[in-house]
Amino acid sequence: MVSEEKFNRLFWHSRRGMLELDLILVPFLEKHFRNIGEEDQQRYEQLLTCEDQDMFAWFLGNRKPEDPEIAKIVGVILELHRPES
């Protein structure tokens, strides 16, 4: 289980300042992070160390991450991401 302190830290790291990323990462964190496995939670933390431009390209499908662990969490996020209508 993730402590509230750690969750808050992840929340602030998920706010990237790029609207497109904020609209993907913050809802994923709030709705799904606590329900994914510990390995995926660690992958998410690792993802947050990546450059914004790389993440932007991955989430748009323009490129795939070279790191297979990052590729896994990007896939999980894309699978769970549902744009709000």
N, C-alpha and C. Protein backbone atom coordinates (compact mmCIF):
# COMPACT_ATOMS: atom_id res chain seq x y z
N MET A 1 0.84 -1.19 0.00
CA MET A 1 0.00 0.00 0.00
C MET A 1 0.88 1.24 0.00
N VAL A 2 0.48 2.22 -0.75
CA VAL A 2 1.25 3.46 -0.89
C VAL A 2 0.80 4.43 0.19
N SER A 3 1.79 5.01 0.87
CA SER A 3 1.47 5.99 1.91
C SER A 3 0.91 7.26 1.27
N GLU A 4 0.15 7.99 2.05
CA GLU A 4 -0.42 9.25 1.55
C GLU A 4 0.68 10.23 1.18
N GLU A 5 1.75 10.23 1.94
CA GLU A 5 2.89 11.13 1.65
C GLU A 5 3.50 10.81 0.29
N LYS A 6 3.72 9.53 0.03
CA LYS A 6 4.29 9.12 -1.25
C LYS A 6 3.33 9.42 -2.38
N PHE A 7 2.04 9.17 -2.17
CA PHE A 7 1.04 9.46 -3.20
C PHE A 7 1.04 10.95 -3.54
N ASN A 8 1.11 11.79 -2.52
CA ASN A 8 1.14 13.25 -2.76
C ASN A 8 2.38 13.65 -3.54
N ARG A 9 3.52 13.02 -3.21
CA ARG A 9 4.76 13.33 -3.93
C ARG A 9 4.61 12.92 -5.39
N LEU A 10 4.04 11.75 -5.63
CA LEU A 10 3.82 11.29 -7.00
C LEU A 10 2.85 12.22 -7.74
N PHE A 11 1.84 12.70 -7.03
CA PHE A 11 0.89 13.63 -7.64
C PHE A 11 1.61 14.87 -8.17
N TRP A 12 2.48 15.45 -7.36
CA TRP A 12 3.17 16.66 -7.79
C TRP A 12 4.18 16.37 -8.89
N HIS A 13 4.78 15.20 -8.89
CA HIS A 13 5.69 14.83 -9.98
C HIS A 13 4.92 14.50 -11.26
N SER A 14 3.66 14.12 -11.12
CA SER A 14 2.83 13.81 -12.29
C SER A 14 2.35 15.08 -12.98
N ARG A 15 2.33 16.17 -12.27
CA ARG A 15 1.95 17.47 -12.86
C ARG A 15 3.17 18.01 -13.57
N ARG A 16 3.17 17.88 -14.87
CA ARG A 16 4.36 18.19 -15.66
C ARG A 16 4.40 19.62 -16.17
N GLY A 17 3.28 20.29 -16.21
CA GLY A 17 3.26 21.64 -16.78
C GLY A 17 2.96 21.63 -18.26
N MET A 18 2.84 20.44 -18.83
CA MET A 18 2.43 20.30 -20.23
C MET A 18 1.01 19.72 -20.17
N LEU A 19 0.05 20.47 -20.61
CA LEU A 19 -1.35 20.09 -20.46
C LEU A 19 -1.63 18.68 -20.96
N GLU A 20 -1.07 18.33 -22.11
CA GLU A 20 -1.34 17.01 -22.68
C GLU A 20 -0.89 15.90 -21.73
N LEU A 21 0.25 16.07 -21.09
CA LEU A 21 0.73 15.06 -20.15
C LEU A 21 -0.08 15.10 -18.86
N ASP A 22 -0.40 16.28 -18.40
CA ASP A 22 -1.20 16.40 -17.17
C ASP A 22 -2.54 15.69 -17.32
N LEU A 23 -3.14 15.76 -18.51
CA LEU A 23 -4.45 15.15 -18.75
C LEU A 23 -4.38 13.63 -18.84
N ILE A 24 -3.19 13.09 -18.96
CA ILE A 24 -3.01 11.64 -18.97
C ILE A 24 -2.51 11.14 -17.62
N LEU A 25 -1.45 11.77 -17.11
CA LEU A 25 -0.78 11.26 -15.91
C LEU A 25 -1.59 11.46 -14.63
N VAL A 26 -2.14 12.65 -14.43
CA VAL A 26 -2.86 12.92 -13.18
C VAL A 26 -4.11 12.05 -13.04
N PRO A 27 -4.96 11.93 -14.06
CA PRO A 27 -6.11 11.03 -13.91
C PRO A 27 -5.69 9.58 -13.71
N PHE A 28 -4.62 9.14 -14.39
CA PHE A 28 -4.14 7.77 -14.18
C PHE A 28 -3.74 7.58 -12.72
N LEU A 29 -2.99 8.51 -12.20
CA LEU A 29 -2.55 8.41 -10.80
C LEU A 29 -3.75 8.36 -9.86
N GLU A 30 -4.68 9.27 -10.05
CA GLU A 30 -5.83 9.36 -9.14
C GLU A 30 -6.77 8.16 -9.24
N LYS A 31 -6.99 7.64 -10.46
CA LYS A 31 -8.00 6.59 -10.65
C LYS A 31 -7.44 5.17 -10.60
N HIS A 32 -6.18 4.99 -11.00
CA HIS A 32 -5.69 3.64 -11.22
C HIS A 32 -4.43 3.26 -10.45
N PHE A 33 -3.63 4.22 -10.04
CA PHE A 33 -2.32 3.90 -9.47
C PHE A 33 -2.40 2.94 -8.30
N ARG A 34 -3.32 3.17 -7.40
CA ARG A 34 -3.42 2.31 -6.20
C ARG A 34 -3.90 0.90 -6.53
N ASN A 35 -4.47 0.71 -7.72
CA ASN A 35 -5.01 -0.60 -8.10
C ASN A 35 -4.08 -1.43 -8.97
N ILE A 36 -2.97 -0.85 -9.41
CA ILE A 36 -2.03 -1.62 -10.23
C ILE A 36 -1.03 -2.29 -9.31
N GLY A 37 -0.34 -3.27 -9.82
CA GLY A 37 0.63 -4.02 -9.03
C GLY A 37 1.82 -3.18 -8.60
N GLU A 38 2.54 -3.68 -7.62
CA GLU A 38 3.70 -2.95 -7.09
C GLU A 38 4.77 -2.74 -8.16
N GLU A 39 4.98 -3.73 -9.03
CA GLU A 39 5.97 -3.57 -10.10
C GLU A 39 5.58 -2.43 -11.04
N ASP A 40 4.30 -2.36 -11.39
CA ASP A 40 3.84 -1.26 -12.25
C ASP A 40 3.93 0.07 -11.52
N GLN A 41 3.68 0.09 -10.22
CA GLN A 41 3.85 1.32 -9.46
C GLN A 41 5.30 1.79 -9.52
N GLN A 42 6.23 0.85 -9.42
CA GLN A 42 7.65 1.21 -9.52
C GLN A 42 7.99 1.70 -10.93
N ARG A 43 7.39 1.07 -11.93
CA ARG A 43 7.60 1.52 -13.31
C ARG A 43 7.07 2.94 -13.49
N TYR A 44 5.93 3.24 -12.87
CA TYR A 44 5.37 4.59 -12.97
C TYR A 44 6.34 5.61 -12.37
N GLU A 45 6.89 5.29 -11.22
CA GLU A 45 7.88 6.19 -10.61
C GLU A 45 9.07 6.39 -11.53
N GLN A 46 9.51 5.32 -12.18
CA GLN A 46 10.61 5.42 -13.13
C GLN A 46 10.22 6.29 -14.33
N LEU A 47 8.98 6.13 -14.80
CA LEU A 47 8.48 6.93 -15.92
C LEU A 47 8.58 8.42 -15.60
N LEU A 48 8.29 8.78 -14.37
CA LEU A 48 8.30 10.20 -13.99
C LEU A 48 9.69 10.83 -14.04
N THR A 49 10.73 10.02 -14.18
CA THR A 49 12.09 10.56 -14.31
C THR A 49 12.43 10.85 -15.77
N CYS A 50 11.56 10.47 -16.69
CA CYS A 50 11.81 10.66 -18.12
C CYS A 50 11.50 12.10 -18.54
N GLU A 51 12.03 12.45 -19.68
CA GLU A 51 11.81 13.79 -20.24
C GLU A 51 10.37 13.93 -20.75
N ASP A 52 9.82 15.11 -20.58
CA ASP A 52 8.45 15.37 -21.01
C ASP A 52 8.27 15.13 -22.51
N GLN A 53 9.21 15.57 -23.32
CA GLN A 53 9.07 15.41 -24.77
C GLN A 53 9.04 13.93 -25.16
N ASP A 54 9.82 13.10 -24.45
CA ASP A 54 9.78 11.67 -24.72
C ASP A 54 8.42 11.10 -24.35
N MET A 55 7.93 11.44 -23.17
CA MET A 55 6.62 10.95 -22.75
C MET A 55 5.53 11.39 -23.72
N PHE A 56 5.60 12.63 -24.15
CA PHE A 56 4.62 13.16 -25.09
C PHE A 56 4.60 12.30 -26.36
N ALA A 57 5.77 11.98 -26.90
CA ALA A 57 5.86 11.17 -28.11
C ALA A 57 5.34 9.75 -27.86
N TRP A 58 5.64 9.18 -26.71
CA TRP A 58 5.18 7.83 -26.39
C TRP A 58 3.66 7.77 -26.28
N PHE A 59 3.08 8.74 -25.58
CA PHE A 59 1.63 8.71 -25.38
C PHE A 59 0.86 9.03 -26.66
N LEU A 60 1.47 9.77 -27.56
CA LEU A 60 0.82 10.03 -28.85
C LEU A 60 1.01 8.87 -29.82
N GLY A 61 1.89 7.95 -29.47
CA GLY A 61 2.15 6.81 -30.34
C GLY A 61 3.16 7.10 -31.43
N ASN A 62 3.85 8.24 -31.34
CA ASN A 62 4.85 8.59 -32.35
C ASN A 62 6.13 7.78 -32.20
N ARG A 63 6.42 7.36 -30.99
CA ARG A 63 7.62 6.56 -30.70
C ARG A 63 7.29 5.58 -29.59
N LYS A 64 8.15 4.58 -29.45
CA LYS A 64 8.02 3.63 -28.34
C LYS A 64 9.26 3.76 -27.47
N PRO A 65 9.11 3.62 -26.16
CA PRO A 65 10.27 3.68 -25.27
C PRO A 65 11.24 2.54 -25.58
N GLU A 66 12.53 2.84 -25.52
CA GLU A 66 13.54 1.80 -25.71
C GLU A 66 13.60 0.87 -24.50
N ASP A 67 13.40 1.42 -23.31
CA ASP A 67 13.44 0.64 -22.08
C ASP A 67 12.15 -0.19 -21.99
N PRO A 68 12.27 -1.52 -21.94
CA PRO A 68 11.06 -2.36 -21.90
C PRO A 68 10.20 -2.13 -20.66
N GLU A 69 10.79 -1.74 -19.54
CA GLU A 69 10.02 -1.47 -18.32
C GLU A 69 9.17 -0.21 -18.50
N ILE A 70 9.74 0.81 -19.10
CA ILE A 70 9.00 2.04 -19.39
C ILE A 70 7.90 1.74 -20.41
N ALA A 71 8.23 0.92 -21.41
CA ALA A 71 7.24 0.57 -22.43
C ALA A 71 6.04 -0.13 -21.79
N LYS A 72 6.28 -0.97 -20.79
CA LYS A 72 5.18 -1.66 -20.12
C LYS A 72 4.24 -0.69 -19.44
N ILE A 73 4.78 0.27 -18.68
CA ILE A 73 3.90 1.20 -17.96
C ILE A 73 3.21 2.16 -18.92
N VAL A 74 3.88 2.54 -20.00
CA VAL A 74 3.22 3.38 -21.00
C VAL A 74 2.03 2.62 -21.58
N GLY A 75 2.21 1.33 -21.85
CA GLY A 75 1.11 0.50 -22.36
C GLY A 75 -0.04 0.41 -21.38
N VAL A 76 0.29 0.24 -20.10
CA VAL A 76 -0.75 0.17 -19.05
C VAL A 76 -1.53 1.48 -19.00
N ILE A 77 -0.82 2.58 -19.02
CA ILE A 77 -1.48 3.89 -18.94
C ILE A 77 -2.37 4.11 -20.15
N LEU A 78 -1.86 3.80 -21.34
CA LEU A 78 -2.67 3.98 -22.55
C LEU A 78 -3.89 3.08 -22.54
N GLU A 79 -3.75 1.88 -22.04
CA GLU A 79 -4.88 0.96 -21.98
C GLU A 79 -5.97 1.46 -21.03
N LEU A 80 -5.55 2.05 -19.92
CA LEU A 80 -6.53 2.51 -18.91
C LEU A 80 -7.03 3.92 -19.15
N HIS A 81 -6.33 4.67 -20.01
CA HIS A 81 -6.70 6.07 -20.24
C HIS A 81 -7.97 6.13 -21.09
N ARG A 82 -8.93 6.80 -20.57
CA ARG A 82 -10.19 7.02 -21.28
C ARG A 82 -10.47 8.51 -21.29
N PRO A 83 -10.37 9.13 -22.46
CA PRO A 83 -10.69 10.56 -22.50
C PRO A 83 -12.11 10.81 -22.01
N GLU A 84 -12.26 11.84 -21.23
CA GLU A 84 -13.58 12.19 -20.70
C GLU A 84 -14.43 12.82 -21.80
N SER A 85 -15.67 12.45 -21.89
CA SER A 85 -16.56 12.99 -22.92
C SER A 85 -17.25 14.24 -22.43
